[in-house]
Amino acid sequence: MLHELNLDVRRASSSRCWGPSGSGKSTILIIVAGAIQPTTGAVYLDDVDVTEVPARERGPRHGVPDYALMPHMTVFDDATWPSLP
């Protein structure tokens, strides 16, 4: 179960979602991307309710990370690459 969440992320910015396994990080991203529907509440993008908008018509995407994508990097290097100003 996810608790109430208000998240404000600027367009074209880079954000990270940190937390322990099972805390809902992927679930939040998958709901925002539209792959699953929230059981309560709504998803707003640019102040528009997109809760019922199909995933293919939304901007945000969610990809499952693969630790082998950057095997030469440490977890810290991978999470902070590329460096943000």
N, C-alpha and C. Protein backbone atom coordinates (compact mmCIF):
# COMPACT_ATOMS: atom_id res chain seq x y z
N MET A 1 0.84 -1.16 0.00
CA MET A 1 0.00 0.00 0.00
C MET A 1 0.90 1.25 0.00
N LEU A 2 0.59 2.16 -0.88
CA LEU A 2 1.27 3.44 -0.90
C LEU A 2 0.48 4.45 -0.09
N HIS A 3 1.17 5.32 0.57
CA HIS A 3 0.51 6.40 1.29
C HIS A 3 0.43 7.61 0.39
N GLU A 4 -0.27 8.64 0.82
CA GLU A 4 -0.42 9.85 0.03
C GLU A 4 0.94 10.38 -0.40
N LEU A 5 1.01 10.80 -1.65
CA LEU A 5 2.26 11.32 -2.20
C LEU A 5 1.97 12.53 -3.06
N ASN A 6 2.69 13.59 -2.83
CA ASN A 6 2.66 14.76 -3.70
C ASN A 6 4.08 14.94 -4.20
N LEU A 7 4.25 14.92 -5.49
CA LEU A 7 5.58 14.97 -6.10
C LEU A 7 5.58 16.03 -7.18
N ASP A 8 6.50 16.95 -7.10
CA ASP A 8 6.61 18.01 -8.09
C ASP A 8 7.99 17.94 -8.72
N VAL A 9 8.03 17.56 -9.99
CA VAL A 9 9.29 17.41 -10.72
C VAL A 9 9.25 18.32 -11.94
N ARG A 10 10.28 19.12 -12.11
CA ARG A 10 10.33 20.02 -13.25
C ARG A 10 10.55 19.26 -14.55
N ARG A 11 9.93 19.75 -15.61
CA ARG A 11 10.10 19.16 -16.94
C ARG A 11 11.58 19.19 -17.32
N ALA A 12 12.03 18.14 -17.97
CA ALA A 12 13.40 18.00 -18.46
C ALA A 12 14.43 18.01 -17.33
N SER A 13 14.01 17.68 -16.13
CA SER A 13 14.95 17.59 -15.02
C SER A 13 15.25 16.11 -14.76
N SER A 14 16.24 15.89 -13.96
CA SER A 14 16.60 14.53 -13.58
C SER A 14 16.32 14.37 -12.10
N SER A 15 15.60 13.33 -11.75
CA SER A 15 15.28 13.08 -10.35
C SER A 15 15.56 11.63 -10.02
N ARG A 16 15.78 11.38 -8.76
CA ARG A 16 16.02 10.02 -8.30
C ARG A 16 15.06 9.69 -7.17
N CYS A 17 14.70 8.43 -7.11
CA CYS A 17 13.79 7.95 -6.07
C CYS A 17 14.54 6.89 -5.27
N TRP A 18 14.86 7.20 -4.02
CA TRP A 18 15.65 6.31 -3.18
C TRP A 18 14.79 5.71 -2.07
N GLY A 19 15.10 4.49 -1.70
CA GLY A 19 14.41 3.87 -0.59
C GLY A 19 14.68 2.38 -0.55
N PRO A 20 14.33 1.74 0.53
CA PRO A 20 14.58 0.31 0.66
C PRO A 20 13.70 -0.52 -0.27
N SER A 21 14.11 -1.73 -0.50
CA SER A 21 13.34 -2.66 -1.31
C SER A 21 11.94 -2.81 -0.73
N GLY A 22 10.94 -2.73 -1.60
CA GLY A 22 9.56 -2.91 -1.16
C GLY A 22 8.89 -1.64 -0.66
N SER A 23 9.56 -0.49 -0.77
CA SER A 23 8.97 0.74 -0.24
C SER A 23 8.03 1.44 -1.21
N GLY A 24 7.95 0.97 -2.46
CA GLY A 24 7.00 1.53 -3.42
C GLY A 24 7.60 2.41 -4.50
N LYS A 25 8.93 2.46 -4.60
CA LYS A 25 9.58 3.32 -5.60
C LYS A 25 9.13 2.96 -7.02
N SER A 26 9.25 1.72 -7.38
CA SER A 26 8.86 1.30 -8.73
C SER A 26 7.37 1.45 -8.94
N THR A 27 6.58 1.15 -7.92
CA THR A 27 5.12 1.26 -8.04
C THR A 27 4.73 2.71 -8.35
N ILE A 28 5.35 3.66 -7.68
CA ILE A 28 5.06 5.07 -7.95
C ILE A 28 5.38 5.42 -9.40
N LEU A 29 6.55 5.02 -9.86
CA LEU A 29 6.96 5.33 -11.23
C LEU A 29 6.06 4.65 -12.26
N ILE A 30 5.66 3.43 -11.99
CA ILE A 30 4.79 2.70 -12.92
C ILE A 30 3.40 3.35 -12.97
N ILE A 31 2.90 3.84 -11.84
CA ILE A 31 1.61 4.54 -11.82
C ILE A 31 1.71 5.84 -12.61
N VAL A 32 2.77 6.61 -12.39
CA VAL A 32 2.95 7.87 -13.13
C VAL A 32 3.05 7.60 -14.63
N ALA A 33 3.75 6.55 -15.01
CA ALA A 33 3.90 6.20 -16.42
C ALA A 33 2.60 5.67 -17.02
N GLY A 34 1.68 5.19 -16.18
CA GLY A 34 0.38 4.73 -16.66
C GLY A 34 0.26 3.24 -16.91
N ALA A 35 1.26 2.47 -16.50
CA ALA A 35 1.20 1.02 -16.72
C ALA A 35 0.20 0.34 -15.78
N ILE A 36 0.00 0.93 -14.60
CA ILE A 36 -1.04 0.44 -13.69
C ILE A 36 -1.81 1.65 -13.18
N GLN A 37 -3.05 1.41 -12.81
CA GLN A 37 -3.93 2.48 -12.33
C GLN A 37 -3.90 2.51 -10.80
N PRO A 38 -3.90 3.70 -10.22
CA PRO A 38 -3.99 3.77 -8.76
C PRO A 38 -5.39 3.34 -8.32
N THR A 39 -5.48 2.72 -7.16
CA THR A 39 -6.80 2.31 -6.66
C THR A 39 -7.55 3.50 -6.07
N THR A 40 -6.82 4.51 -5.62
CA THR A 40 -7.42 5.75 -5.14
C THR A 40 -6.53 6.90 -5.60
N GLY A 41 -7.06 8.10 -5.54
CA GLY A 41 -6.27 9.26 -5.90
C GLY A 41 -6.21 9.50 -7.39
N ALA A 42 -5.34 10.41 -7.81
CA ALA A 42 -5.23 10.79 -9.21
C ALA A 42 -3.79 11.13 -9.55
N VAL A 43 -3.49 11.08 -10.83
CA VAL A 43 -2.16 11.44 -11.33
C VAL A 43 -2.33 12.68 -12.20
N TYR A 44 -1.59 13.73 -11.85
CA TYR A 44 -1.64 14.97 -12.61
C TYR A 44 -0.29 15.22 -13.25
N LEU A 45 -0.29 15.54 -14.54
CA LEU A 45 0.90 15.96 -15.26
C LEU A 45 0.60 17.32 -15.86
N ASP A 46 1.42 18.31 -15.55
CA ASP A 46 1.17 19.68 -16.01
C ASP A 46 -0.22 20.15 -15.63
N ASP A 47 -0.64 19.85 -14.41
CA ASP A 47 -1.95 20.25 -13.88
C ASP A 47 -3.13 19.63 -14.62
N VAL A 48 -2.91 18.56 -15.37
CA VAL A 48 -3.97 17.86 -16.09
C VAL A 48 -4.10 16.46 -15.49
N ASP A 49 -5.33 16.07 -15.15
CA ASP A 49 -5.57 14.74 -14.61
C ASP A 49 -5.40 13.71 -15.73
N VAL A 50 -4.37 12.88 -15.61
CA VAL A 50 -4.09 11.87 -16.64
C VAL A 50 -4.31 10.46 -16.10
N THR A 51 -5.04 10.35 -15.00
CA THR A 51 -5.25 9.06 -14.37
C THR A 51 -5.83 8.04 -15.34
N GLU A 52 -6.73 8.45 -16.20
CA GLU A 52 -7.37 7.53 -17.15
C GLU A 52 -6.72 7.55 -18.53
N VAL A 53 -5.69 8.34 -18.73
CA VAL A 53 -5.01 8.43 -20.03
C VAL A 53 -4.13 7.19 -20.20
N PRO A 54 -4.22 6.49 -21.33
CA PRO A 54 -3.39 5.30 -21.55
C PRO A 54 -1.90 5.63 -21.51
N ALA A 55 -1.10 4.66 -21.09
CA ALA A 55 0.35 4.85 -20.96
C ALA A 55 0.97 5.33 -22.26
N ARG A 56 0.51 4.84 -23.41
CA ARG A 56 1.11 5.21 -24.70
C ARG A 56 0.90 6.68 -25.04
N GLU A 57 -0.04 7.33 -24.34
CA GLU A 57 -0.31 8.74 -24.60
C GLU A 57 0.28 9.68 -23.54
N ARG A 58 1.01 9.11 -22.59
CA ARG A 58 1.64 9.92 -21.54
C ARG A 58 3.11 10.14 -21.90
N GLY A 59 3.69 11.20 -21.36
CA GLY A 59 5.10 11.47 -21.61
C GLY A 59 6.06 10.63 -20.80
N PRO A 60 5.85 10.49 -19.48
CA PRO A 60 6.82 9.76 -18.66
C PRO A 60 6.88 8.28 -19.02
N ARG A 61 8.07 7.74 -18.91
CA ARG A 61 8.29 6.32 -19.15
C ARG A 61 8.99 5.72 -17.94
N HIS A 62 8.85 4.43 -17.79
CA HIS A 62 9.53 3.72 -16.70
C HIS A 62 10.26 2.54 -17.31
N GLY A 63 11.54 2.44 -17.01
CA GLY A 63 12.33 1.29 -17.46
C GLY A 63 12.88 0.56 -16.26
N VAL A 64 12.90 -0.75 -16.35
CA VAL A 64 13.43 -1.54 -15.25
C VAL A 64 14.95 -1.50 -15.32
N PRO A 65 15.61 -1.10 -14.24
CA PRO A 65 17.07 -1.03 -14.28
C PRO A 65 17.71 -2.41 -14.35
N ASP A 66 18.86 -2.45 -14.95
CA ASP A 66 19.61 -3.70 -15.06
C ASP A 66 21.02 -3.41 -14.56
N TYR A 67 21.42 -4.09 -13.50
CA TYR A 67 22.73 -3.81 -12.93
C TYR A 67 23.86 -4.05 -13.91
N ALA A 68 23.61 -4.84 -14.96
CA ALA A 68 24.67 -5.16 -15.91
C ALA A 68 24.84 -4.07 -16.98
N LEU A 69 24.00 -3.05 -16.99
CA LEU A 69 24.13 -2.01 -18.00
C LEU A 69 25.44 -1.24 -17.85
N MET A 70 25.85 -0.98 -16.64
CA MET A 70 27.08 -0.25 -16.36
C MET A 70 27.94 -1.07 -15.40
N PRO A 71 28.38 -2.25 -15.80
CA PRO A 71 29.08 -3.14 -14.87
C PRO A 71 30.42 -2.59 -14.37
N HIS A 72 30.97 -1.61 -15.09
CA HIS A 72 32.25 -1.03 -14.69
C HIS A 72 32.10 0.06 -13.64
N MET A 73 30.85 0.42 -13.28
CA MET A 73 30.61 1.49 -12.33
C MET A 73 30.19 0.94 -10.97
N THR A 74 30.49 1.72 -9.93
CA THR A 74 29.96 1.39 -8.62
C THR A 74 28.49 1.82 -8.60
N VAL A 75 27.74 1.41 -7.58
CA VAL A 75 26.35 1.82 -7.46
C VAL A 75 26.27 3.34 -7.39
N PHE A 76 27.17 3.98 -6.61
CA PHE A 76 27.16 5.43 -6.49
C PHE A 76 27.44 6.09 -7.84
N ASP A 77 28.45 5.61 -8.56
CA ASP A 77 28.77 6.18 -9.88
C ASP A 77 27.59 6.05 -10.84
N ASP A 78 26.96 4.89 -10.84
CA ASP A 78 25.83 4.65 -11.73
C ASP A 78 24.66 5.58 -11.38
N ALA A 79 24.40 5.77 -10.09
CA ALA A 79 23.26 6.60 -9.65
C ALA A 79 23.51 8.08 -9.87
N THR A 80 24.76 8.49 -9.96
CA THR A 80 25.06 9.91 -10.10
C THR A 80 25.56 10.27 -11.50
N TRP A 81 25.54 9.32 -12.42
CA TRP A 81 25.99 9.59 -13.79
C TRP A 81 24.80 9.93 -14.66
N PRO A 82 24.81 10.89 -15.55
CA PRO A 82 25.89 11.88 -15.65
C PRO A 82 25.77 12.89 -14.52
N SER A 83 26.85 13.51 -14.19
CA SER A 83 26.84 14.49 -13.11
C SER A 83 25.93 15.65 -13.47
N LEU A 84 25.15 16.07 -12.52
CA LEU A 84 24.24 17.19 -12.73
C LEU A 84 24.89 18.46 -12.22
N PRO A 85 24.62 19.59 -12.88
CA PRO A 85 25.21 20.85 -12.43
C PRO A 85 24.73 21.24 -11.04
